[in-house]
Each structure stands twice: as structure tokens, then as C-alpha cells.
């Protein structure tokens, strides 16, 4: 390995440092900067032009002396040392241990940018992951190897939901090695302590790897944090055969760092000032999820992003929705009602849901029930909006039933406790209880055989009571005729 060292720093701009008179420097090459005080910082080459190199320092450029700082180009890209000892450990945003334990002894060093999965070798995700959250399991099913983001807003309980999913996620009927890789970008100390405490109290810390970039850490670190986390996740999944759930929060902070770098480089801005390559950059993160044919492990991603002003058309949410296989949306109005988790199922979507449900995976009526519940809730919301104009008294009996359905849907199916782990059978049972409040003639998306098996509405009770009355009258008639 050829190590090149320079002291020819021409300029420092934001998180960037421009080094002149360089030779044989490559894009993405790892950089070590040593300040005049002896402090060492890591960075990588962003751009090379003739004899000039633009370097981004992950730990910021504060205190950099252009005359006395020494810059070393180490001749390789940034790598993460990996071994099974990663499990149970906590690292900072650049991969250094912060849990008081010594550095791990790596069995391999892997490029943090990862290797693209050959499309031919990708295995289609098709295994149901039960999260214990009804609105996910029933309405927007997560399957192993999928990337399903959570769209949230400032102040909404996405961290609670992420911790609950990490604690409860499982594949039914199988006992396999499971791990959680948690990457935090720009979170507060309070949030970091919450996640650490949550994993420790649930007894799951031994199967968790954490990478924490806090709000008071340099923003530029956030560019590298998710890549370190996904490198660890890929190692555990594809080299060690584990089933890994990667939770990345908050991708909005990550994109803000991208915008900061783009501004420092005087790049032509795209939508709302974000760089034009943000779609490509996000894709290099999200597309690292999946399954590989011939390998036991899998990597499932649940990125979390807070939508600025709760705007789902914001570039970060918009581009994420294009790349990933759906989205899971938290709604502020439900949160204001005291509903947890405040999930608005109408804009939610899981594009791979149909592959992970049905006979042998969940239940044969799952798809029909999900479609019917979604349709009935959408109708109920329409009626709720109508009530604001004409009042409840003007509604027909059928519209009143749909209005009650929407209220009970939020009360019984959406609402559940933070420690409540619902099985898919329980979620389906609640759904049928709700559907049984509607006339059978309205269940147009459910097969007749499922209705006969699970429907327990008032119609059945009334028919049963009428049958009993008829039997009673027949008995009385026989008694009166007898001598």
C-alpha cells in the first residue's frame, strides 16, 4: 500500500478541504488528516481534478490549520472491520466503539460502499415477518428482504414504533438467528439513551449492533453512518447467515448533510436545494436490502424519515417512495387523538405484501380481509367528512354504519399498546369483528366461503332468532292439535 502525505492545503470550505499538488489520488480514497495539535480525522476524496483533490472530513474541519495540517492518502477506500463480536456493541458515527469495550478483532475488512447484488442472484422476498403491529401485519405486510420505510413527522412517535418493531419482529414457525442493526443520524442524546435502554431491558441487546451519530456530532459524519451500519448488516446476513433488520433513522438528517456538502461544493441545486444526484445516492443505501439465492441470510430495511411540514410530496419522501417497496405513514391527526401507533392506512402501501401472505404463510382469507377493511375505512372517512357538512342526522342507515366502522377501526385495530404484541390471527379476528358490523351485501371483496366461515353479524343473529321463533310456533301448534 502506497501512502501519500501532503501539507499543501489550499482551502477549507465547510466540511470540505482542498489539497493541491496531489498525484495518483483516486475518487473515494480514504484520507487521514493530522492537525497541528496531533488530532487525527478521517475523510474521503470527493473529487479529483488534475493536481487538486476535494476531501470531505467526516469529523468536520473545525480547527484545521491550512499550513501545519498533514494529509495522508492511504491508497484504499474506507473499510469496516467485521466479526461476530459486532453483536451487542455500540459505535459512533464513524465506527469507533463508544460502549467502553475495546475495539473488536476483525476477521475481515469490508468496503463500506458495499458490493452491488447481481440482479440474477436476487431472491424475491416472500416470507412473512410478523411485527406484532396490526396495521403492518394485516394491512401493509412486511416480508423478509424488503425495504419498507416509515414516513413520519416531527414530534410523532416513530422512535417508539421502531423500537417496538425491533423488539417484536419474528418469522412464524421458525427459530433462526435474528439480528437488528440500528443506525441513528442526528438524534438527540435522549433518543440514543432510549434505544439503548429499550434494547437492554428487553434482553435483546446481545443481538443488536448500534451506530450512533448524535445531533451534536459533525453533520458530515451522517454521510458515512448508514454505510457502516449496512456493511455490518450485510456481513451478518450474507456471510453469517443471519436474518437482519436494519433500522435507519433519520434519513431526513442524512439528506440535509448531502445538501450541505453540495452547497459547499457550489453545485447547481435541484429541488428545494437538494443535489440532483440525491435519488442515486439514496438508491445506493436502500438497494442494499434483499435476499441472495443460495445464501441463508436476509437483509430487511426499515428507514425512518421525518417529512418536513408533514409533506409527503417533499423530495426526500418522494424519492424514497420511488426507490423502496412502499411506505408506512404516521398521521398527526391520529396522534392528536391519543392513538398509538398513529398510522393512516390509506396512503400506506406494501408492494410485496401479496408475496408474503396467504395459505401456509398467514391465512387464506388475509388478502380479501385486508382489501375489504381498507375499502370500508376509506368509505367511512368519506362519510366522516360529509358529516362535517350535513350532520350525522342526515345520514342513511348504511352511511351511519360506515361512519361507526371508521371510528371502531381506529379504536380497535389501529390502537394498541406499546408492549402489545398481536399475532396475525388476533389481527384478523379484530378485522372480522369490524366487518361483521356491516351488512353481508357490502362485503364485495371477500369470497363467500370466508364470509360463511368468519362473519358474525346481526343478520346471523336475527336469522337465528327468527328460526327459533318459527320452531317454537310449530311446537305450540303441535301441542294445540294433540287430543
Protein backbone atom coordinates (compact mmCIF):
# COMPACT_ATOMS: atom_id res chain seq x y z
CA UNK A 1 0.00 0.00 0.00
CA UNK A 2 1.36 3.37 -1.08
CA UNK A 3 0.77 6.15 1.45
CA UNK A 4 1.00 9.68 0.11
CA UNK A 5 1.30 12.62 2.52
CA UNK A 6 0.84 16.32 1.74
CA UNK A 7 0.85 19.66 3.54
CA UNK A 8 -0.42 21.64 0.56
CA UNK A 9 -3.94 22.50 1.80
CA UNK A 10 -5.18 25.39 -0.32
CA UNK A 11 -8.62 25.98 1.14
CA UNK A 12 -11.11 24.84 3.77
CA UNK A 13 -14.80 25.36 3.00
CA UNK A 14 -17.44 23.96 5.33
CA UNK A 15 -16.84 20.22 5.64
CA UNK A 16 -14.51 20.24 2.62
CA UNK A 17 -10.77 20.61 2.31
CA UNK A 18 -8.94 21.24 -0.98
CA UNK A 19 -5.47 19.76 -1.30
CA UNK A 20 -3.18 20.82 -4.15
CA UNK A 21 -0.22 19.23 -5.95
CA UNK A 22 -1.56 15.70 -5.41
CA UNK A 23 -0.63 12.75 -7.57
CA UNK A 24 -2.23 9.35 -8.21
CA UNK A 25 -5.19 10.05 -5.92
CA UNK A 26 -8.45 8.19 -6.63
CA UNK A 27 -12.11 9.05 -6.11
CA UNK A 28 -13.42 7.60 -2.83
CA UNK A 29 -9.93 7.07 -1.44
CA UNK A 30 -9.58 7.16 2.35
CA UNK A 31 -7.88 10.22 3.82
CA UNK A 32 -6.27 10.77 7.22
CA UNK A 33 -5.75 14.34 8.35
CA UNK A 34 -3.46 15.12 11.31
CA UNK A 35 -3.84 18.60 12.77
CA UNK A 36 -1.07 20.69 14.29
CA UNK A 37 -2.33 19.55 17.73
CA UNK A 38 -1.91 15.90 16.79
CA UNK A 39 -5.65 15.19 16.38
CA UNK A 40 -6.48 12.63 13.67
CA UNK A 41 -9.58 12.83 11.48
CA UNK A 42 -10.93 10.60 8.74
CA UNK A 43 -12.21 11.66 5.35
CA UNK A 44 -12.51 10.58 1.76
CA UNK A 45 -11.87 12.02 -1.67
CA UNK A 46 -14.98 13.50 -3.27
CA UNK A 47 -13.42 14.88 -6.43
CA UNK A 48 -10.09 14.82 -8.28
CA UNK A 49 -9.21 17.41 -10.92
CA UNK A 50 -5.70 17.40 -12.39
CA UNK A 51 -3.48 18.01 -9.33
CA UNK A 52 -6.28 19.06 -6.91
CA UNK A 53 -8.31 16.81 -4.62
CA UNK A 54 -11.51 17.76 -2.80
CA UNK A 55 -11.68 15.91 0.52
CA UNK A 56 -14.65 15.67 2.86
CA UNK A 57 -13.76 15.17 6.51
CA UNK A 58 -16.30 13.06 8.40
CA UNK A 59 -15.48 14.70 11.71
CA UNK A 60 -15.64 18.25 10.40
CA UNK A 61 -12.97 20.83 9.55
CA UNK A 62 -13.11 22.88 12.76
CA UNK A 63 -9.57 23.65 13.94
CA UNK A 64 -7.90 22.68 10.67
CA UNK A 65 -4.72 24.73 10.09
CA UNK A 66 -4.02 25.04 6.36
CA UNK A 67 -0.27 25.45 6.97
CA UNK A 68 0.50 22.77 9.55
CA UNK A 69 -2.13 20.05 8.93
CA UNK A 70 -0.73 16.95 7.24
CA UNK A 71 -2.94 14.97 4.86
CA UNK A 72 -2.30 11.29 4.05
CA UNK A 73 -3.95 9.46 1.12
CA UNK A 74 -3.80 5.83 2.21
CA UNK A 75 -4.48 4.22 -1.17
CA UNK A 76 -7.71 2.38 -0.33
CA UNK A 77 -11.37 3.08 0.29
CA UNK A 78 -12.84 3.21 3.80
CA UNK A 79 -13.42 -0.23 5.28
CA UNK A 80 -15.12 -1.63 8.37
CA UNK A 81 -13.54 -4.37 10.44
CA UNK A 82 -16.16 -7.09 10.96
CA UNK A 83 -16.57 -10.18 13.10
CA UNK A 84 -19.38 -11.81 15.13
CA UNK A 85 -18.18 -9.61 18.01
CA UNK A 86 -20.13 -6.74 16.40
CA UNK A 87 -23.28 -8.04 18.09
CA UNK A 88 -24.07 -6.26 21.34
CA UNK A 89 -21.73 -3.36 20.58
CA UNK A 90 -22.31 0.40 20.26
CA UNK A 91 -20.25 2.52 17.84
CA UNK A 92 -20.19 6.20 16.96
CA UNK A 93 -20.97 7.57 13.51
CA UNK A 94 -17.55 6.67 12.10
CA UNK A 95 -17.36 3.17 13.55
CA UNK A 96 -15.37 3.74 16.76
CA UNK A 97 -16.57 1.92 19.92
CA UNK A 98 -18.31 4.15 22.47
CA UNK A 99 -19.58 1.48 24.87
CA UNK A 100 -16.40 1.29 26.96
CA UNK A 101 -15.30 -2.02 25.45
CA UNK A 102 -12.14 -2.46 23.36
CA UNK A 103 -12.01 -2.49 19.59
CA UNK A 104 -13.20 -5.72 18.00
CA UNK A 105 -10.67 -8.08 16.47
CA UNK A 106 -11.80 -8.22 12.84
CA UNK A 107 -11.84 -11.40 10.83
CA UNK A 108 -12.26 -9.32 7.67
CA UNK A 109 -12.28 -5.71 6.49
CA UNK A 110 -15.08 -4.78 4.08
CA UNK A 111 -15.53 -1.72 1.86
CA UNK A 112 -18.33 0.35 3.41
CA UNK A 113 -19.77 1.17 -0.03
CA UNK A 114 -20.74 -2.47 -0.42
CA UNK A 115 -20.94 -4.65 -3.49
CA UNK A 116 -23.97 -4.46 -5.75
CA UNK A 117 -26.11 -7.60 -5.67
CA UNK A 118 -26.24 -9.32 -9.05
CA UNK A 119 -29.89 -8.97 -10.18
CA UNK A 120 -29.85 -12.56 -11.42
CA UNK A 121 -28.90 -13.78 -7.94
CA UNK A 122 -31.51 -11.74 -6.11
CA UNK A 123 -34.12 -13.94 -4.49
CA UNK A 124 -37.64 -12.49 -4.50
CA UNK A 125 -38.80 -11.60 -0.95
CA UNK A 126 -41.73 -13.85 0.01
CA UNK A 127 -41.57 -14.68 3.72
CA UNK A 128 -43.96 -13.01 6.16
CA UNK A 129 -42.36 -11.09 9.05
CA UNK A 130 -44.74 -10.65 11.97
CA UNK A 131 -44.08 -7.33 13.68
CA UNK A 132 -46.95 -7.59 16.17
CA UNK A 133 -48.36 -4.30 14.80
CA UNK A 134 -51.83 -4.88 13.31
CA UNK A 135 -51.67 -2.05 10.80
CA UNK A 136 -48.44 -3.51 9.38
CA UNK A 137 -49.15 -7.24 9.60
CA UNK A 138 -52.74 -7.04 8.36
CA UNK A 139 -52.75 -4.07 6.01
CA UNK A 140 -49.14 -3.48 4.87
CA UNK A 141 -47.32 -6.75 5.43
CA UNK A 142 -43.53 -6.68 5.76
CA UNK A 143 -41.65 -9.54 4.08
CA UNK A 144 -38.11 -10.71 4.59
CA UNK A 145 -35.66 -8.87 2.33
CA UNK A 146 -37.99 -5.90 1.73
CA UNK A 147 -37.29 -2.21 2.20
CA UNK A 148 -40.34 -0.56 3.78
CA UNK A 149 -39.80 2.99 5.06
CA UNK A 150 -41.72 4.76 7.83
CA UNK A 151 -42.84 8.27 6.85
CA UNK A 152 -43.29 10.35 9.99
CA UNK A 153 -43.23 13.95 11.17
CA UNK A 154 -41.54 15.97 13.87
CA UNK A 155 -42.90 15.01 17.28
CA UNK A 156 -44.60 11.80 16.15
CA UNK A 157 -43.70 8.53 17.95
CA UNK A 158 -41.67 6.92 15.16
CA UNK A 159 -38.88 6.05 17.59
CA UNK A 160 -41.31 4.17 19.83
CA UNK A 161 -42.66 2.31 16.82
CA UNK A 162 -39.16 1.46 15.55
CA UNK A 163 -38.15 0.07 18.97
CA UNK A 164 -41.36 -1.95 19.19
CA UNK A 165 -40.83 -3.45 15.74
CA UNK A 166 -37.18 -4.28 16.52
CA UNK A 167 -38.27 -6.00 19.74
CA UNK A 168 -41.22 -7.96 18.33
CA UNK A 169 -40.25 -8.85 14.75
CA UNK A 170 -40.18 -12.59 14.03
CA UNK A 171 -40.83 -15.17 11.32
CA UNK A 172 -43.64 -17.53 12.32
CA UNK A 173 -42.82 -21.17 12.94
CA UNK A 174 -39.09 -20.71 12.53
CA UNK A 175 -36.26 -20.44 15.02
CA UNK A 176 -33.42 -18.75 13.22
CA UNK A 177 -30.61 -16.36 14.05
CA UNK A 178 -32.03 -12.85 14.06
CA UNK A 179 -30.21 -9.53 14.48
CA UNK A 180 -31.01 -5.83 14.45
CA UNK A 181 -28.63 -3.22 13.06
CA UNK A 182 -29.64 0.21 14.24
CA UNK A 183 -28.18 3.36 12.66
CA UNK A 184 -29.05 6.78 14.07
CA UNK A 185 -28.23 10.02 12.27
CA UNK A 186 -28.60 13.34 14.05
CA UNK A 187 -30.64 12.08 17.01
CA UNK A 188 -30.50 13.57 20.49
CA UNK A 189 -28.74 12.03 23.49
CA UNK A 190 -32.16 11.38 24.99
CA UNK A 191 -33.24 9.37 21.94
CA UNK A 192 -29.96 7.42 21.91
CA UNK A 193 -30.36 6.52 25.59
CA UNK A 194 -33.96 5.49 24.95
CA UNK A 195 -32.97 2.97 22.29
CA UNK A 196 -30.07 1.59 24.34
CA UNK A 197 -32.27 1.26 27.43
CA UNK A 198 -35.05 -0.35 25.39
CA UNK A 199 -32.79 -2.99 23.89
CA UNK A 200 -31.16 -3.72 27.24
CA UNK A 201 -34.41 -4.04 29.18
CA UNK A 202 -35.96 -6.32 26.57
CA UNK A 203 -32.91 -8.59 26.72
CA UNK A 204 -32.23 -8.13 23.01
CA UNK A 205 -29.05 -6.05 23.23
CA UNK A 206 -26.98 -9.17 22.53
CA UNK A 207 -28.41 -9.35 19.03
CA UNK A 208 -28.19 -5.61 18.27
CA UNK A 209 -25.44 -3.54 16.62
CA UNK A 210 -25.77 0.22 17.08
CA UNK A 211 -24.15 3.09 15.18
CA UNK A 212 -24.96 6.47 16.72
CA UNK A 213 -24.36 9.85 15.12
CA UNK A 214 -25.78 12.37 17.61
CA UNK A 215 -27.16 15.82 16.93
CA UNK A 216 -24.03 17.46 18.39
CA UNK A 217 -21.69 15.35 16.24
CA UNK A 218 -20.43 16.79 12.96
CA UNK A 219 -23.20 16.69 10.36
CA UNK A 220 -20.82 15.32 7.76
CA UNK A 221 -20.50 12.09 9.79
CA UNK A 222 -24.06 11.31 8.81
CA UNK A 223 -22.95 10.53 5.28
CA UNK A 224 -20.92 7.57 6.46
CA UNK A 225 -23.06 6.24 9.33
CA UNK A 226 -25.69 4.35 7.28
CA UNK A 227 -22.99 2.82 5.09
CA UNK A 228 -21.12 1.50 8.10
CA UNK A 229 -24.33 0.07 9.51
CA UNK A 230 -25.33 -1.62 6.26
CA UNK A 231 -21.83 -3.07 5.86
CA UNK A 232 -22.21 -4.70 9.28
CA UNK A 233 -25.73 -5.85 8.31
CA UNK A 234 -24.56 -7.39 5.02
CA UNK A 235 -21.76 -9.23 6.81
CA UNK A 236 -24.14 -10.71 9.40
CA UNK A 237 -26.76 -11.54 6.76
CA UNK A 238 -24.81 -12.88 3.82
CA UNK A 239 -21.61 -14.13 5.46
CA UNK A 240 -23.04 -15.41 8.77
CA UNK A 241 -26.48 -16.48 7.55
CA UNK A 242 -28.46 -14.30 9.95
CA UNK A 243 -31.77 -12.59 9.26
CA UNK A 244 -31.10 -8.90 9.82
CA UNK A 245 -33.49 -6.00 10.28
CA UNK A 246 -31.76 -2.67 9.60
CA UNK A 247 -33.43 0.42 11.05
CA UNK A 248 -32.09 3.74 9.74
CA UNK A 249 -33.24 6.95 11.45
CA UNK A 250 -33.46 9.75 10.45
CA UNK A 251 -32.91 9.76 6.67
CA UNK A 252 -34.01 13.41 6.56
CA UNK A 253 -30.91 14.36 8.58
CA UNK A 254 -28.82 12.33 6.15
CA UNK A 255 -30.24 14.22 3.16
CA UNK A 256 -29.65 17.56 4.90
CA UNK A 257 -25.97 16.61 5.10
CA UNK A 258 -25.98 15.83 1.39
CA UNK A 259 -27.37 19.29 0.74
CA UNK A 260 -24.70 20.86 2.98
CA UNK A 261 -21.92 19.16 1.03
CA UNK A 262 -23.46 20.14 -2.30
CA UNK A 263 -23.66 23.78 -1.19
CA UNK A 264 -20.04 23.73 -0.02
CA UNK A 265 -19.02 22.46 -3.46
CA UNK A 266 -21.07 25.22 -5.17
CA UNK A 267 -23.09 22.64 -7.07
CA UNK A 268 -26.18 23.62 -9.03
CA UNK A 269 -29.07 22.82 -6.67
CA UNK A 270 -32.04 20.64 -7.55
CA UNK A 271 -35.49 20.56 -5.96
CA UNK A 272 -35.58 22.66 -2.75
CA UNK A 273 -31.81 22.98 -2.80
CA UNK A 274 -31.05 19.26 -2.60
CA UNK A 275 -28.42 17.92 -5.03
CA UNK A 276 -29.63 16.46 -8.30
CA UNK A 277 -27.94 13.14 -7.51
CA UNK A 278 -29.86 12.60 -4.26
CA UNK A 279 -32.01 9.90 -5.90
CA UNK A 280 -28.91 7.95 -6.92
CA UNK A 281 -27.30 8.43 -3.52
CA UNK A 282 -30.38 7.17 -1.66
CA UNK A 283 -30.59 4.21 -4.02
CA UNK A 284 -27.05 3.15 -3.06
CA UNK A 285 -28.36 2.80 0.51
CA UNK A 286 -31.83 1.33 0.01
CA UNK A 287 -30.84 -1.19 -2.66
CA UNK A 288 -28.52 -2.97 -0.22
CA UNK A 289 -31.56 -4.76 1.20
CA UNK A 290 -32.63 -8.13 -0.15
CA UNK A 291 -32.02 -11.86 -0.33
CA UNK A 292 -29.41 -13.73 -2.35
CA UNK A 293 -30.04 -17.13 -3.91
CA UNK A 294 -28.02 -19.86 -2.27
CA UNK A 295 -27.46 -17.92 0.97
CA UNK A 296 -29.42 -18.41 4.15
CA UNK A 297 -29.46 -14.86 5.47
CA UNK A 298 -31.52 -11.82 4.52
CA UNK A 299 -31.37 -8.06 4.98
CA UNK A 300 -34.63 -6.20 5.57
CA UNK A 301 -34.64 -2.40 5.81
CA UNK A 302 -36.97 -0.02 7.63
CA UNK A 303 -35.66 3.51 7.02
CA UNK A 304 -37.38 6.27 9.01
CA UNK A 305 -37.72 9.80 7.72
CA UNK A 306 -39.49 12.85 9.15
CA UNK A 307 -41.33 14.71 6.42
CA UNK A 308 -40.76 18.50 6.70
CA UNK A 309 -44.15 20.14 7.39
CA UNK A 310 -45.70 16.65 7.15
CA UNK A 311 -45.42 17.00 3.36
CA UNK A 312 -45.41 13.58 1.69
CA UNK A 313 -44.52 15.24 -1.64
CA UNK A 314 -41.26 16.60 -0.18
CA UNK A 315 -38.24 15.46 -2.28
CA UNK A 316 -36.88 13.15 0.44
CA UNK A 317 -40.18 11.30 0.91
CA UNK A 318 -40.96 11.42 -2.79
CA UNK A 319 -37.65 9.89 -3.91
CA UNK A 320 -37.69 7.33 -1.09
CA UNK A 321 -41.14 6.19 -2.19
CA UNK A 322 -39.87 5.62 -5.73
CA UNK A 323 -36.89 3.53 -4.64
CA UNK A 324 -38.45 1.44 -1.86
CA UNK A 325 -41.30 -1.07 -1.96
CA UNK A 326 -43.99 1.07 -0.38
CA UNK A 327 -44.28 3.25 2.69
CA UNK A 328 -45.78 3.25 6.18
CA UNK A 329 -47.26 6.64 7.09
CA UNK A 330 -47.84 8.17 10.55
CA UNK A 331 -50.60 10.78 10.78
CA UNK A 332 -50.58 13.79 13.09
CA UNK A 333 -54.38 13.99 13.45
CA UNK A 334 -54.49 10.46 14.87
CA UNK A 335 -51.63 11.29 17.22
CA UNK A 336 -53.58 14.29 18.48
CA UNK A 337 -56.46 11.92 19.30
CA UNK A 338 -54.13 9.92 21.54
CA UNK A 339 -53.97 6.94 19.17
CA UNK A 340 -50.79 4.84 19.15
CA UNK A 341 -49.42 3.99 16.68
CA UNK A 342 -50.96 6.90 14.73
CA UNK A 343 -50.98 5.06 11.41
CA UNK A 344 -53.01 6.39 8.50
CA UNK A 345 -53.51 3.21 6.46
CA UNK A 346 -54.94 4.99 3.41
CA UNK A 347 -51.62 6.32 2.00
CA UNK A 348 -49.72 3.27 3.28
CA UNK A 349 -48.53 0.62 0.83
CA UNK A 350 -46.51 -2.58 0.80
CA UNK A 351 -45.82 -3.59 -2.79
CA UNK A 352 -44.56 -7.04 -1.80
CA UNK A 353 -47.44 -7.82 0.57
CA UNK A 354 -49.14 -10.30 -1.77
CA UNK A 355 -45.99 -12.45 -1.83
CA UNK A 356 -45.87 -12.85 1.95
CA UNK A 357 -49.48 -13.66 2.81
CA UNK A 358 -51.99 -16.42 2.14
CA UNK A 359 -52.18 -20.18 2.83
CA UNK A 360 -49.12 -21.54 4.60
CA UNK A 361 -47.85 -18.04 5.42
CA UNK A 362 -50.63 -16.20 7.24
CA UNK A 363 -54.21 -17.27 6.46
CA UNK A 364 -56.19 -17.93 3.30
CA UNK A 365 -58.60 -15.03 3.90
CA UNK A 366 -55.86 -12.45 4.62
CA UNK A 367 -55.82 -10.72 1.22
CA UNK A 368 -59.63 -10.47 0.99
CA UNK A 369 -59.99 -9.17 4.54
CA UNK A 370 -57.26 -6.56 4.06
CA UNK A 371 -58.85 -5.27 0.85
CA UNK A 372 -62.31 -5.13 2.39
CA UNK A 373 -61.19 -3.38 5.58
CA UNK A 374 -59.25 -0.82 3.54
CA UNK A 375 -62.29 -0.15 1.32
CA UNK A 376 -64.67 0.15 4.27
CA UNK A 377 -62.36 2.52 6.18
CA UNK A 378 -61.95 4.72 3.09
CA UNK A 379 -65.74 4.88 2.76
CA UNK A 380 -66.03 5.68 6.47
CA UNK A 381 -63.58 8.60 6.13
CA UNK A 382 -65.65 9.96 3.22
CA UNK A 383 -68.77 9.82 5.37
CA UNK A 384 -66.90 11.46 8.28
CA UNK A 385 -66.00 14.38 6.00
CA UNK A 386 -69.63 14.56 4.85
CA UNK A 387 -70.88 14.73 8.43
CA UNK A 388 -68.92 17.94 8.91
CA UNK A 389 -71.16 19.49 6.25
CA UNK A 390 -74.64 17.96 6.67
CA UNK A 391 -74.55 16.48 10.20
CA UNK A 392 -74.94 12.89 11.37
CA UNK A 393 -78.75 13.11 11.50
CA UNK A 394 -78.93 13.40 7.71
CA UNK A 395 -77.07 10.15 7.07
CA UNK A 396 -78.67 6.96 5.82
CA UNK A 397 -78.51 3.83 7.96
CA UNK A 398 -75.76 2.39 5.73
CA UNK A 399 -73.68 5.56 5.89
CA UNK A 400 -74.04 5.55 9.67
CA UNK A 401 -72.66 2.01 9.77
CA UNK A 402 -69.65 3.06 7.71
CA UNK A 403 -69.06 6.04 9.98
CA UNK A 404 -69.15 3.73 13.02
CA UNK A 405 -66.81 1.35 11.19
CA UNK A 406 -64.18 4.09 10.77
CA UNK A 407 -64.39 5.03 14.45
CA UNK A 408 -64.15 1.42 15.63
CA UNK A 409 -61.34 0.69 13.16
CA UNK A 410 -59.19 3.39 14.76
CA UNK A 411 -60.25 2.34 18.26
CA UNK A 412 -59.83 -1.44 17.96
CA UNK A 413 -57.41 -2.20 15.11
CA UNK A 414 -55.11 0.84 14.84
CA UNK A 415 -54.82 1.49 18.57
CA UNK A 416 -52.67 -0.93 20.55
CA UNK A 417 -50.28 -0.79 23.47
CA UNK A 418 -46.56 -0.17 23.17
CA UNK A 419 -45.91 -3.59 24.73
CA UNK A 420 -48.79 -5.31 22.93
CA UNK A 421 -47.57 -7.98 20.53
CA UNK A 422 -50.51 -9.07 18.38
CA UNK A 423 -50.36 -12.25 16.35
CA UNK A 424 -51.75 -12.22 12.81
CA UNK A 425 -54.67 -14.43 13.92
CA UNK A 426 -55.64 -11.85 16.52
CA UNK A 427 -55.43 -9.02 13.99
CA UNK A 428 -57.61 -10.96 11.54
CA UNK A 429 -60.08 -11.66 14.34
CA UNK A 430 -60.40 -7.94 15.09
CA UNK A 431 -60.88 -7.24 11.39
CA UNK A 432 -63.72 -9.75 11.13
CA UNK A 433 -65.34 -8.27 14.24
CA UNK A 434 -65.33 -4.89 12.49
CA UNK A 435 -66.59 -6.29 9.18
CA UNK A 436 -69.40 -8.09 10.97
CA UNK A 437 -70.86 -4.67 11.79
CA UNK A 438 -71.58 -4.17 8.09
CA UNK A 439 -74.28 -5.95 6.06
CA UNK A 440 -73.10 -9.06 4.21
CA UNK A 441 -74.08 -7.42 0.92
CA UNK A 442 -71.35 -4.79 1.48
CA UNK A 443 -68.56 -7.36 1.71
CA UNK A 444 -67.94 -7.39 -2.03
CA UNK A 445 -64.20 -8.01 -1.79
CA UNK A 446 -64.43 -11.17 0.31
CA UNK A 447 -65.17 -14.64 -1.03
CA UNK A 448 -68.46 -16.19 0.06
CA UNK A 449 -66.71 -19.14 1.69
CA UNK A 450 -64.79 -16.80 4.00
CA UNK A 451 -67.94 -14.86 4.88
CA UNK A 452 -69.76 -18.06 5.81
CA UNK A 453 -66.86 -19.13 7.99
CA UNK A 454 -65.99 -15.90 9.82
CA UNK A 455 -68.90 -13.43 9.57
CA UNK A 456 -70.81 -13.00 12.83
CA UNK A 457 -73.05 -10.02 12.15
CA UNK A 458 -76.50 -9.08 13.36
CA UNK A 459 -78.02 -10.69 10.28
CA UNK A 460 -76.94 -14.12 11.52
CA UNK A 461 -78.33 -13.42 14.98
CA UNK A 462 -81.66 -12.18 13.59
CA UNK A 463 -81.94 -15.22 11.30
CA UNK A 464 -81.17 -17.47 14.25
CA UNK A 465 -83.78 -15.76 16.43
CA UNK A 466 -86.38 -15.99 13.64
CA UNK A 467 -85.60 -19.70 13.25
CA UNK A 468 -86.07 -20.24 16.99
CA UNK A 469 -89.39 -18.37 16.94
CA UNK A 470 -90.60 -20.49 14.00
CA UNK A 471 -89.61 -23.70 15.81
CA UNK A 472 -91.43 -22.52 18.93
CA UNK A 473 -94.61 -21.74 16.97
CA UNK A 474 -94.50 -25.17 15.33
CA UNK A 475 -94.19 -26.85 18.74
CA UNK A 476 -97.15 -24.84 20.10
CA UNK A 477 -99.22 -25.77 17.05
CA UNK A 478 -98.47 -29.48 17.56
CA UNK A 479 -99.41 -29.20 21.24
CA UNK A 480 -102.76 -27.50 20.42
CA UNK A 481 -103.69 -30.12 17.81
CA UNK A 482 -102.97 -33.04 20.09
CA UNK A 483 -106.07 -34.53 21.87
